[in-house]
């Protein structure tokens, strides 16, 4: 009994100590560069989508975030969510305020996918260097359907026109902020 109490007190003290240490808002640039070398490419496909130079089947857009259909979806209704203002290539470089905005939209998109497409749930994926093909931080919101194998790699490439009907369905079911 005494050992359980000591363990509980130690755990509570550790957790309390962690709660008082503020998380860094951004990894220092030199540290991020040491881990994932390179620089932001202004002409990546996501930057072009943000600027309107490339088309996408958009699901959501505001001043800070845009969400659009993945052209090589893992599952029907696969959406990417990106910051329109951040030039972060990965999780180490993004300001947490920008990440909060992305994740809030990802949550809403997942809810809409379940309602609009009858998905049984959804998964969130975010790659950092390994597995990343576009070096503009993006979050995958992948609807999951009971009975489907767990896919991780994109399927056949689809056109914006092919993706637009599901984009419109998802958009129509987005919950309010």
C-alpha atoms as a PDB file:
ATOM      1  CA  UNK A   1       0.000   0.000   0.000  1.00  0.00           C
ATOM      2  CA  UNK A   2       2.789   2.395   0.965  1.00  0.00           C
ATOM      3  CA  UNK A   3       4.702   1.598  -2.272  1.00  0.00           C
ATOM      4  CA  UNK A   4       1.585   2.304  -4.362  1.00  0.00           C
ATOM      5  CA  UNK A   5       1.138   5.649  -2.612  1.00  0.00           C
ATOM      6  CA  UNK A   6       4.805   6.589  -3.169  1.00  0.00           C
ATOM      7  CA  UNK A   7       4.513   5.578  -6.831  1.00  0.00           C
ATOM      8  CA  UNK A   8       1.349   7.651  -7.223  1.00  0.00           C
ATOM      9  CA  UNK A   9       2.935  10.700  -5.581  1.00  0.00           C
ATOM     10  CA  UNK A  10       6.046  10.329  -7.752  1.00  0.00           C
ATOM     11  CA  UNK A  11       3.902  10.053 -10.902  1.00  0.00           C
ATOM     12  CA  UNK A  12       1.845  13.100  -9.968  1.00  0.00           C
ATOM     13  CA  UNK A  13       4.990  15.105  -9.239  1.00  0.00           C
ATOM     14  CA  UNK A  14       6.526  14.098 -12.574  1.00  0.00           C
ATOM     15  CA  UNK A  15       3.363  14.989 -14.476  1.00  0.00           C
ATOM     16  CA  UNK A  16       3.031  18.296 -12.646  1.00  0.00           C
ATOM     17  CA  UNK A  17       6.627  19.133 -13.502  1.00  0.00           C
ATOM     18  CA  UNK A  18       6.039  18.349 -17.182  1.00  0.00           C
ATOM     19  CA  UNK A  19       2.959  20.554 -17.280  1.00  0.00           C
ATOM     20  CA  UNK A  20       4.955  23.593 -16.218  1.00  0.00           C
ATOM     21  CA  UNK A  21       7.595  23.305 -18.943  1.00  0.00           C
ATOM     22  CA  UNK A  22       6.340  25.215 -21.974  1.00  0.00           C
ATOM     23  CA  UNK A  23       6.724  23.382 -25.274  1.00  0.00           C
ATOM     24  CA  UNK A  24       8.920  25.161 -27.821  1.00  0.00           C
ATOM     25  CA  UNK A  25       6.837  26.772 -30.537  1.00  0.00           C
ATOM     26  CA  UNK A  26       9.352  25.985 -33.279  1.00  0.00           C
ATOM     27  CA  UNK A  27      12.397  23.719 -33.414  1.00  0.00           C
ATOM     28  CA  UNK A  28      15.491  25.932 -33.856  1.00  0.00           C
ATOM     29  CA  UNK A  29      16.318  26.166 -37.573  1.00  0.00           C
ATOM     30  CA  UNK A  30      19.834  24.780 -37.173  1.00  0.00           C
ATOM     31  CA  UNK A  31      18.492  21.747 -35.308  1.00  0.00           C
ATOM     32  CA  UNK A  32      15.784  21.076 -37.910  1.00  0.00           C
ATOM     33  CA  UNK A  33      18.317  21.500 -40.764  1.00  0.00           C
ATOM     34  CA  UNK A  34      20.708  19.056 -39.079  1.00  0.00           C
ATOM     35  CA  UNK A  35      17.974  16.428 -38.918  1.00  0.00           C
ATOM     36  CA  UNK A  36      16.266  17.041 -42.284  1.00  0.00           C
ATOM     37  CA  UNK A  37      18.578  18.999 -44.602  1.00  0.00           C
ATOM     38  CA  UNK A  38      17.234  21.113 -47.424  1.00  0.00           C
ATOM     39  CA  UNK A  39      15.133  24.200 -47.882  1.00  0.00           C
ATOM     40  CA  UNK A  40      11.563  25.004 -48.821  1.00  0.00           C
ATOM     41  CA  UNK A  41      10.927  24.725 -52.560  1.00  0.00           C
ATOM     42  CA  UNK A  42       8.703  27.635 -53.658  1.00  0.00           C
ATOM     43  CA  UNK A  43       7.460  25.729 -56.704  1.00  0.00           C
ATOM     44  CA  UNK A  44       6.322  22.515 -55.023  1.00  0.00           C
ATOM     45  CA  UNK A  45       2.854  21.349 -56.098  1.00  0.00           C
ATOM     46  CA  UNK A  46       1.222  22.437 -52.825  1.00  0.00           C
ATOM     47  CA  UNK A  47       2.647  25.960 -53.129  1.00  0.00           C
ATOM     48  CA  UNK A  48       1.232  26.050 -56.664  1.00  0.00           C
ATOM     49  CA  UNK A  49      -2.188  24.920 -55.394  1.00  0.00           C
ATOM     50  CA  UNK A  50      -2.121  27.671 -52.751  1.00  0.00           C
ATOM     51  CA  UNK A  51      -1.260  30.277 -55.406  1.00  0.00           C
ATOM     52  CA  UNK A  52      -3.928  28.964 -57.791  1.00  0.00           C
ATOM     53  CA  UNK A  53      -1.350  27.814 -60.354  1.00  0.00           C
ATOM     54  CA  UNK A  54      -2.402  24.168 -60.058  1.00  0.00           C
ATOM     55  CA  UNK A  55      -5.910  22.810 -59.670  1.00  0.00           C
ATOM     56  CA  UNK A  56      -7.192  20.684 -56.820  1.00  0.00           C
ATOM     57  CA  UNK A  57     -10.546  19.338 -55.698  1.00  0.00           C
ATOM     58  CA  UNK A  58     -10.864  21.610 -52.661  1.00  0.00           C
ATOM     59  CA  UNK A  59     -12.820  20.532 -49.624  1.00  0.00           C
ATOM     60  CA  UNK A  60     -12.140  23.507 -47.341  1.00  0.00           C
ATOM     61  CA  UNK A  61     -10.322  26.840 -47.450  1.00  0.00           C
ATOM     62  CA  UNK A  62      -9.852  29.854 -45.191  1.00  0.00           C
ATOM     63  CA  UNK A  63      -7.094  32.456 -44.805  1.00  0.00           C
ATOM     64  CA  UNK A  64      -4.693  30.015 -43.141  1.00  0.00           C
ATOM     65  CA  UNK A  65      -5.540  26.471 -44.304  1.00  0.00           C
ATOM     66  CA  UNK A  66      -6.631  24.624 -47.427  1.00  0.00           C
ATOM     67  CA  UNK A  67      -7.845  21.018 -47.634  1.00  0.00           C
ATOM     68  CA  UNK A  68      -8.089  19.137 -50.923  1.00  0.00           C
ATOM     69  CA  UNK A  69      -8.412  15.624 -52.293  1.00  0.00           C
ATOM     70  CA  UNK A  70      -5.248  13.539 -52.698  1.00  0.00           C
ATOM     71  CA  UNK A  71      -4.779  12.655 -56.387  1.00  0.00           C
ATOM     72  CA  UNK A  72      -3.410   9.212 -55.438  1.00  0.00           C
ATOM     73  CA  UNK A  73      -5.810   8.310 -52.637  1.00  0.00           C
ATOM     74  CA  UNK A  74      -5.160   5.473 -50.240  1.00  0.00           C
ATOM     75  CA  UNK A  75      -8.950   5.233 -49.805  1.00  0.00           C
ATOM     76  CA  UNK A  76     -11.924   6.947 -51.411  1.00  0.00           C
ATOM     77  CA  UNK A  77     -12.197  10.439 -49.914  1.00  0.00           C
ATOM     78  CA  UNK A  78      -8.499  10.802 -48.905  1.00  0.00           C
ATOM     79  CA  UNK A  79      -7.869  14.498 -48.117  1.00  0.00           C
ATOM     80  CA  UNK A  80      -4.685  16.523 -47.557  1.00  0.00           C
ATOM     81  CA  UNK A  81      -4.690  19.505 -45.188  1.00  0.00           C
ATOM     82  CA  UNK A  82      -1.965  22.167 -45.474  1.00  0.00           C
ATOM     83  CA  UNK A  83      -1.088  25.598 -44.156  1.00  0.00           C
ATOM     84  CA  UNK A  84      -1.377  28.426 -46.663  1.00  0.00           C
ATOM     85  CA  UNK A  85       0.942  30.664 -44.636  1.00  0.00           C
ATOM     86  CA  UNK A  86       3.686  28.388 -43.288  1.00  0.00           C
ATOM     87  CA  UNK A  87       6.721  27.403 -45.323  1.00  0.00           C
ATOM     88  CA  UNK A  88       7.452  24.464 -43.013  1.00  0.00           C
ATOM     89  CA  UNK A  89       8.560  21.336 -44.812  1.00  0.00           C
ATOM     90  CA  UNK A  90       7.963  19.061 -41.828  1.00  0.00           C
ATOM     91  CA  UNK A  91       6.766  18.846 -38.231  1.00  0.00           C
ATOM     92  CA  UNK A  92      10.098  20.096 -36.864  1.00  0.00           C
ATOM     93  CA  UNK A  93       9.804  23.401 -38.705  1.00  0.00           C
ATOM     94  CA  UNK A  94       6.174  24.386 -38.176  1.00  0.00           C
ATOM     95  CA  UNK A  95       5.016  26.866 -35.590  1.00  0.00           C
ATOM     96  CA  UNK A  96       2.577  25.147 -33.256  1.00  0.00           C
ATOM     97  CA  UNK A  97      -0.074  27.810 -33.853  1.00  0.00           C
ATOM     98  CA  UNK A  98      -0.062  26.872 -37.558  1.00  0.00           C
ATOM     99  CA  UNK A  99      -0.159  23.183 -36.668  1.00  0.00           C
ATOM    100  CA  UNK A 100      -3.179  23.805 -34.419  1.00  0.00           C
ATOM    101  CA  UNK A 101      -5.050  25.325 -37.373  1.00  0.00           C
ATOM    102  CA  UNK A 102      -4.197  22.382 -39.623  1.00  0.00           C
ATOM    103  CA  UNK A 103      -5.271  19.818 -37.036  1.00  0.00           C
ATOM    104  CA  UNK A 104      -8.555  21.611 -36.313  1.00  0.00           C
ATOM    105  CA  UNK A 105      -9.429  21.381 -40.010  1.00  0.00           C
ATOM    106  CA  UNK A 106      -8.230  17.745 -40.198  1.00  0.00           C
ATOM    107  CA  UNK A 107     -10.611  16.880 -37.368  1.00  0.00           C
ATOM    108  CA  UNK A 108     -13.552  18.497 -39.142  1.00  0.00           C
ATOM    109  CA  UNK A 109     -12.649  16.787 -42.427  1.00  0.00           C
ATOM    110  CA  UNK A 110     -12.571  13.378 -40.710  1.00  0.00           C
ATOM    111  CA  UNK A 111     -16.028  13.967 -39.262  1.00  0.00           C
ATOM    112  CA  UNK A 112     -17.325  15.008 -42.677  1.00  0.00           C
ATOM    113  CA  UNK A 113     -15.785  11.952 -44.369  1.00  0.00           C
ATOM    114  CA  UNK A 114     -17.668   9.666 -41.996  1.00  0.00           C
ATOM    115  CA  UNK A 115     -20.989  11.397 -42.653  1.00  0.00           C
ATOM    116  CA  UNK A 116     -20.570  12.067 -46.377  1.00  0.00           C
ATOM    117  CA  UNK A 117     -18.966   8.816 -47.477  1.00  0.00           C
ATOM    118  CA  UNK A 118     -20.137   6.368 -44.828  1.00  0.00           C
ATOM    119  CA  UNK A 119     -16.603   5.775 -43.547  1.00  0.00           C
ATOM    120  CA  UNK A 120     -16.383   3.820 -40.299  1.00  0.00           C
ATOM    121  CA  UNK A 121     -13.590   6.072 -39.045  1.00  0.00           C
ATOM    122  CA  UNK A 122     -10.530   7.885 -40.269  1.00  0.00           C
ATOM    123  CA  UNK A 123      -6.804   7.984 -39.692  1.00  0.00           C
ATOM    124  CA  UNK A 124      -4.409  10.912 -39.589  1.00  0.00           C
ATOM    125  CA  UNK A 125      -0.944  10.543 -41.096  1.00  0.00           C
ATOM    126  CA  UNK A 126       1.889  13.029 -41.312  1.00  0.00           C
ATOM    127  CA  UNK A 127       5.344  12.139 -42.676  1.00  0.00           C
ATOM    128  CA  UNK A 128       8.667  13.838 -41.985  1.00  0.00           C
ATOM    129  CA  UNK A 129      11.322  13.186 -44.642  1.00  0.00           C
ATOM    130  CA  UNK A 130      10.804   9.396 -44.746  1.00  0.00           C
ATOM    131  CA  UNK A 131       7.767   8.657 -46.913  1.00  0.00           C
ATOM    132  CA  UNK A 132       7.307  12.337 -47.754  1.00  0.00           C
ATOM    133  CA  UNK A 133       7.035  13.158 -51.458  1.00  0.00           C
ATOM    134  CA  UNK A 134       6.108  16.856 -51.229  1.00  0.00           C
ATOM    135  CA  UNK A 135       8.195  18.872 -48.799  1.00  0.00           C
ATOM    136  CA  UNK A 136       5.441  21.204 -47.622  1.00  0.00           C
ATOM    137  CA  UNK A 137       4.038  19.997 -44.309  1.00  0.00           C
ATOM    138  CA  UNK A 138       0.741  18.227 -44.931  1.00  0.00           C
ATOM    139  CA  UNK A 139      -1.606  16.023 -42.975  1.00  0.00           C
ATOM    140  CA  UNK A 140      -3.384  13.091 -44.605  1.00  0.00           C
ATOM    141  CA  UNK A 141      -6.958  12.489 -43.449  1.00  0.00           C
ATOM    142  CA  UNK A 142      -7.767   9.006 -44.683  1.00  0.00           C
ATOM    143  CA  UNK A 143     -11.280   7.623 -44.296  1.00  0.00           C
ATOM    144  CA  UNK A 144     -11.340   3.983 -43.216  1.00  0.00           C
ATOM    145  CA  UNK A 145     -13.977   1.482 -44.241  1.00  0.00           C
ATOM    146  CA  UNK A 146     -14.746  -1.774 -42.432  1.00  0.00           C
ATOM    147  CA  UNK A 147     -13.566  -4.779 -44.428  1.00  0.00           C
ATOM    148  CA  UNK A 148     -10.956  -2.846 -46.431  1.00  0.00           C
ATOM    149  CA  UNK A 149      -7.273  -3.772 -46.012  1.00  0.00           C
ATOM    150  CA  UNK A 150      -5.231  -1.107 -44.243  1.00  0.00           C
ATOM    151  CA  UNK A 151      -3.695   0.792 -47.153  1.00  0.00           C
ATOM    152  CA  UNK A 152      -0.701   3.056 -46.696  1.00  0.00           C
ATOM    153  CA  UNK A 153       0.434   3.726 -50.254  1.00  0.00           C
ATOM    154  CA  UNK A 154      -1.509   5.760 -52.755  1.00  0.00           C
ATOM    155  CA  UNK A 155      -3.687   4.120 -55.342  1.00  0.00           C
ATOM    156  CA  UNK A 156      -4.053   4.961 -59.010  1.00  0.00           C
ATOM    157  CA  UNK A 157      -3.759   8.632 -59.958  1.00  0.00           C
ATOM    158  CA  UNK A 158      -7.104  10.404 -60.356  1.00  0.00           C
ATOM    159  CA  UNK A 159      -8.049  13.664 -62.014  1.00  0.00           C
ATOM    160  CA  UNK A 160      -9.539  16.671 -60.264  1.00  0.00           C
ATOM    161  CA  UNK A 161     -12.742  15.976 -62.185  1.00  0.00           C
ATOM    162  CA  UNK A 162     -12.895  12.420 -60.828  1.00  0.00           C
ATOM    163  CA  UNK A 163     -12.305  13.625 -57.268  1.00  0.00           C
ATOM    164  CA  UNK A 164     -14.693  16.596 -57.311  1.00  0.00           C
ATOM    165  CA  UNK A 165     -17.953  14.710 -56.534  1.00  0.00           C
ATOM    166  CA  UNK A 166     -16.526  13.285 -53.289  1.00  0.00           C
ATOM    167  CA  UNK A 167     -14.937  16.661 -52.476  1.00  0.00           C
ATOM    168  CA  UNK A 168     -18.365  18.272 -52.761  1.00  0.00           C
ATOM    169  CA  UNK A 169     -19.947  15.561 -50.573  1.00  0.00           C
ATOM    170  CA  UNK A 170     -17.316  16.060 -47.882  1.00  0.00           C
ATOM    171  CA  UNK A 171     -17.564  19.852 -48.103  1.00  0.00           C
ATOM    172  CA  UNK A 172     -21.345  19.677 -47.646  1.00  0.00           C
ATOM    173  CA  UNK A 173     -20.931  17.720 -44.383  1.00  0.00           C
ATOM    174  CA  UNK A 174     -18.174  19.828 -42.770  1.00  0.00           C
ATOM    175  CA  UNK A 175     -19.195  20.703 -39.223  1.00  0.00           C
ATOM    176  CA  UNK A 176     -19.078  24.348 -38.159  1.00  0.00           C
ATOM    177  CA  UNK A 177     -15.979  25.604 -36.395  1.00  0.00           C
END
